[in-house]
Amino acid sequence: MDSLSIGQLAKQAAVAIDTVRYYERSGLLAPAGRLASGYRRYGASELKRLRFIRRAKALGFTLEEIASLLTLSDERDVAKVKQTAELKLADIQHRIDELERIRSGLKALTAACPGHGRAEACPILNALSQESAS
């Protein structure tokens, strides 16, 4: 693979140029080199790394978690990679459970609200105004 400009790299990885620059500032990605003019140049390893970052983001990993995964990947520590993924899965499950609880509460409130009448009688407004939120 020939060296790529930042625009070519971004296009092949399906991200914006600003995203590449952001990942560079974050320390997740570094250009393979620079031309005498100062333009960044990238190769196959940077493209692979950028695609890794994009896919990890799509799975819900934070940039900090992605940095950790990249370090573990460089170290070839598969057990820790699996552990990190399992922790992320547990976190996502917790968030799903919480969202389902919220959905259930909102369904009950909207079902109880006639959608007309006085605001003081609105079950939604009354539930949100209660002192103790559970």
C-alpha atoms as a PDB file:
ATOM      1  CA  MET A   1       0.000   0.000   0.000  1.00  0.00           C
ATOM      2  CA  ASP A   2       1.297   3.412  -0.917  1.00  0.00           C
ATOM      3  CA  SER A   3       1.349   6.074   1.725  1.00  0.00           C
ATOM      4  CA  LEU A   4      -1.952   7.853   2.221  1.00  0.00           C
ATOM      5  CA  SER A   5      -2.814  11.456   2.829  1.00  0.00           C
ATOM      6  CA  ILE A   6      -5.062  12.254   5.771  1.00  0.00           C
ATOM      7  CA  GLY A   7      -8.019  12.615   3.388  1.00  0.00           C
ATOM      8  CA  GLN A   8      -7.357   9.249   1.752  1.00  0.00           C
ATOM      9  CA  LEU A   9      -6.952   7.595   5.149  1.00  0.00           C
ATOM     10  CA  ALA A  10     -10.192   9.112   6.442  1.00  0.00           C
ATOM     11  CA  LYS A  11     -12.085   8.025   3.331  1.00  0.00           C
ATOM     12  CA  GLN A  12     -10.801   4.439   3.461  1.00  0.00           C
ATOM     13  CA  ALA A  13     -11.624   4.188   7.180  1.00  0.00           C
ATOM     14  CA  ALA A  14     -15.042   5.833   6.685  1.00  0.00           C
ATOM     15  CA  VAL A  15     -14.410   8.650   9.161  1.00  0.00           C
ATOM     16  CA  ALA A  16     -14.083  12.418   8.884  1.00  0.00           C
ATOM     17  CA  ILE A  17     -10.689  14.105   8.576  1.00  0.00           C
ATOM     18  CA  ASP A  18     -11.412  15.945  11.835  1.00  0.00           C
ATOM     19  CA  THR A  19     -11.908  12.555  13.489  1.00  0.00           C
ATOM     20  CA  VAL A  20      -8.426  11.471  12.397  1.00  0.00           C
ATOM     21  CA  ARG A  21      -6.976  14.692  13.798  1.00  0.00           C
ATOM     22  CA  TYR A  22      -8.913  14.230  17.038  1.00  0.00           C
ATOM     23  CA  TYR A  23      -7.601  10.688  17.461  1.00  0.00           C
ATOM     24  CA  GLU A  24      -4.089  11.989  16.857  1.00  0.00           C
ATOM     25  CA  ARG A  25      -4.519  14.674  19.523  1.00  0.00           C
ATOM     26  CA  SER A  26      -5.908  11.981  21.853  1.00  0.00           C
ATOM     27  CA  GLY A  27      -2.810   9.840  21.315  1.00  0.00           C
ATOM     28  CA  LEU A  28      -4.724   6.972  19.717  1.00  0.00           C
ATOM     29  CA  LEU A  29      -3.223   7.413  16.271  1.00  0.00           C
ATOM     30  CA  ALA A  30       0.015   8.798  14.916  1.00  0.00           C
ATOM     31  CA  PRO A  31       0.996   9.417  11.304  1.00  0.00           C
ATOM     32  CA  ALA A  32       3.615   7.045   9.912  1.00  0.00           C
ATOM     33  CA  GLY A  33       5.587  10.095   8.857  1.00  0.00           C
ATOM     34  CA  ARG A  34       5.527  13.492   7.297  1.00  0.00           C
ATOM     35  CA  LEU A  35       6.598  14.830   3.962  1.00  0.00           C
ATOM     36  CA  ALA A  36       9.133  17.633   3.746  1.00  0.00           C
ATOM     37  CA  SER A  37       6.155  19.941   3.316  1.00  0.00           C
ATOM     38  CA  GLY A  38       4.847  18.834   6.724  1.00  0.00           C
ATOM     39  CA  TYR A  39       1.866  16.903   5.381  1.00  0.00           C
ATOM     40  CA  ARG A  40       1.038  13.768   7.314  1.00  0.00           C
ATOM     41  CA  ARG A  41       1.405  10.394   5.600  1.00  0.00           C
ATOM     42  CA  TYR A  42      -0.207   7.152   6.700  1.00  0.00           C
ATOM     43  CA  GLY A  43       0.240   3.492   5.887  1.00  0.00           C
ATOM     44  CA  ALA A  44      -1.572   0.184   6.259  1.00  0.00           C
ATOM     45  CA  SER A  45      -0.967  -0.045  10.020  1.00  0.00           C
ATOM     46  CA  GLU A  46      -2.527   3.364  10.663  1.00  0.00           C
ATOM     47  CA  LEU A  47      -5.514   2.425   8.505  1.00  0.00           C
ATOM     48  CA  LYS A  48      -5.923  -0.827  10.439  1.00  0.00           C
ATOM     49  CA  ARG A  49      -5.669   1.043  13.756  1.00  0.00           C
ATOM     50  CA  LEU A  50      -8.185   3.670  12.668  1.00  0.00           C
ATOM     51  CA  ARG A  51     -10.662   0.992  11.609  1.00  0.00           C
ATOM     52  CA  PHE A  52     -10.130  -0.720  14.988  1.00  0.00           C
ATOM     53  CA  ILE A  53     -10.913   2.552  16.785  1.00  0.00           C
ATOM     54  CA  ARG A  54     -14.027   3.144  14.654  1.00  0.00           C
ATOM     55  CA  ARG A  55     -15.365  -0.368  15.261  1.00  0.00           C
ATOM     56  CA  ALA A  56     -14.656  -0.184  18.995  1.00  0.00           C
ATOM     57  CA  LYS A  57     -16.505   3.159  19.169  1.00  0.00           C
ATOM     58  CA  ALA A  58     -19.451   1.550  17.355  1.00  0.00           C
ATOM     59  CA  LEU A  59     -19.526  -1.127  20.078  1.00  0.00           C
ATOM     60  CA  GLY A  60     -19.785   1.563  22.749  1.00  0.00           C
ATOM     61  CA  PHE A  61     -16.206   1.684  24.018  1.00  0.00           C
ATOM     62  CA  THR A  62     -14.969   5.068  25.228  1.00  0.00           C
ATOM     63  CA  LEU A  63     -11.727   6.515  23.887  1.00  0.00           C
ATOM     64  CA  GLU A  64     -10.062   5.663  27.197  1.00  0.00           C
ATOM     65  CA  GLU A  65     -11.247   2.070  26.919  1.00  0.00           C
ATOM     66  CA  ILE A  66     -10.105   1.949  23.297  1.00  0.00           C
ATOM     67  CA  ALA A  67      -6.649   3.158  24.320  1.00  0.00           C
ATOM     68  CA  SER A  68      -6.533   0.327  26.836  1.00  0.00           C
ATOM     69  CA  LEU A  69      -7.662  -2.192  24.214  1.00  0.00           C
ATOM     70  CA  LEU A  70      -5.003  -0.956  21.804  1.00  0.00           C
ATOM     71  CA  THR A  71      -2.343  -1.362  24.486  1.00  0.00           C
ATOM     72  CA  LEU A  72      -3.598  -4.863  25.267  1.00  0.00           C
ATOM     73  CA  SER A  73      -3.655  -5.634  21.551  1.00  0.00           C
ATOM     74  CA  ASP A  74      -0.053  -4.492  21.205  1.00  0.00           C
ATOM     75  CA  GLU A  75       0.855  -6.676  24.192  1.00  0.00           C
ATOM     76  CA  ARG A  76      -1.181  -9.585  22.753  1.00  0.00           C
ATOM     77  CA  ASP A  77      -2.929 -10.036  26.113  1.00  0.00           C
ATOM     78  CA  VAL A  78      -6.076 -11.805  24.918  1.00  0.00           C
ATOM     79  CA  ALA A  79      -7.276 -12.640  28.457  1.00  0.00           C
ATOM     80  CA  LYS A  80      -7.326  -8.972  29.414  1.00  0.00           C
ATOM     81  CA  VAL A  81      -8.988  -8.041  26.126  1.00  0.00           C
ATOM     82  CA  LYS A  82     -11.754 -10.541  26.876  1.00  0.00           C
ATOM     83  CA  GLN A  83     -12.065  -9.238  30.442  1.00  0.00           C
ATOM     84  CA  THR A  84     -12.366  -5.666  29.153  1.00  0.00           C
ATOM     85  CA  ALA A  85     -15.053  -6.712  26.671  1.00  0.00           C
ATOM     86  CA  GLU A  86     -16.951  -8.603  29.385  1.00  0.00           C
ATOM     87  CA  LEU A  87     -16.883  -5.543  31.644  1.00  0.00           C
ATOM     88  CA  LYS A  88     -18.207  -3.413  28.785  1.00  0.00           C
ATOM     89  CA  LEU A  89     -20.943  -5.970  28.117  1.00  0.00           C
ATOM     90  CA  ALA A  90     -21.975  -5.902  31.785  1.00  0.00           C
ATOM     91  CA  ASP A  91     -22.046  -2.092  31.710  1.00  0.00           C
ATOM     92  CA  ILE A  92     -24.220  -2.105  28.588  1.00  0.00           C
ATOM     93  CA  GLN A  93     -26.580  -4.659  30.149  1.00  0.00           C
ATOM     94  CA  HIS A  94     -26.889  -2.454  33.246  1.00  0.00           C
ATOM     95  CA  ARG A  95     -27.753   0.539  31.062  1.00  0.00           C
ATOM     96  CA  ILE A  96     -30.305  -1.518  29.115  1.00  0.00           C
ATOM     97  CA  ASP A  97     -31.922  -2.660  32.373  1.00  0.00           C
ATOM     98  CA  GLU A  98     -32.073   0.934  33.573  1.00  0.00           C
ATOM     99  CA  LEU A  99     -33.598   2.117  30.282  1.00  0.00           C
ATOM    100  CA  GLU A 100     -36.201  -0.659  30.438  1.00  0.00           C
ATOM    101  CA  ARG A 101     -37.105   0.441  33.977  1.00  0.00           C
ATOM    102  CA  ILE A 102     -37.453   4.027  32.755  1.00  0.00           C
ATOM    103  CA  ARG A 103     -39.540   2.919  29.771  1.00  0.00           C
ATOM    104  CA  SER A 104     -41.848   0.952  32.049  1.00  0.00           C
ATOM    105  CA  GLY A 105     -42.331   3.957  34.318  1.00  0.00           C
ATOM    106  CA  LEU A 106     -43.038   6.285  31.408  1.00  0.00           C
ATOM    107  CA  LYS A 107     -45.490   3.804  29.886  1.00  0.00           C
ATOM    108  CA  ALA A 108     -47.404   3.655  33.171  1.00  0.00           C
ATOM    109  CA  LEU A 109     -47.444   7.447  33.500  1.00  0.00           C
ATOM    110  CA  THR A 110     -48.552   8.092  29.924  1.00  0.00           C
ATOM    111  CA  ALA A 111     -51.241   5.407  30.196  1.00  0.00           C
ATOM    112  CA  ALA A 112     -52.583   7.080  33.353  1.00  0.00           C
ATOM    113  CA  CYS A 113     -52.670  10.539  31.789  1.00  0.00           C
ATOM    114  CA  PRO A 114     -55.848  11.448  29.910  1.00  0.00           C
ATOM    115  CA  GLY A 115     -54.033  14.166  27.976  1.00  0.00           C
ATOM    116  CA  HIS A 116     -56.506  16.877  28.952  1.00  0.00           C
ATOM    117  CA  GLY A 117     -57.732  18.641  32.035  1.00  0.00           C
ATOM    118  CA  ARG A 118     -55.984  20.649  34.690  1.00  0.00           C
ATOM    119  CA  ALA A 119     -52.209  20.486  35.142  1.00  0.00           C
ATOM    120  CA  GLU A 120     -52.679  19.832  38.877  1.00  0.00           C
ATOM    121  CA  ALA A 121     -54.423  16.552  38.016  1.00  0.00           C
ATOM    122  CA  CYS A 122     -51.813  15.387  35.506  1.00  0.00           C
ATOM    123  CA  PRO A 123     -50.247  12.114  36.739  1.00  0.00           C
ATOM    124  CA  ILE A 124     -47.056  12.805  34.785  1.00  0.00           C
ATOM    125  CA  LEU A 125     -46.514  16.246  36.305  1.00  0.00           C
ATOM    126  CA  ASN A 126     -47.459  14.954  39.758  1.00  0.00           C
ATOM    127  CA  ALA A 127     -45.005  12.051  39.539  1.00  0.00           C
ATOM    128  CA  LEU A 128     -42.211  14.378  38.453  1.00  0.00           C
ATOM    129  CA  SER A 129     -43.021  16.838  41.236  1.00  0.00           C
ATOM    130  CA  GLN A 130     -42.864  14.291  44.062  1.00  0.00           C
ATOM    131  CA  GLU A 131     -40.221  14.813  46.725  1.00  0.00           C
ATOM    132  CA  SER A 132     -38.893  11.254  46.626  1.00  0.00           C
ATOM    133  CA  ALA A 133     -37.945   9.955  43.184  1.00  0.00           C
ATOM    134  CA  SER A 134     -37.579   6.178  43.106  1.00  0.00           C
END
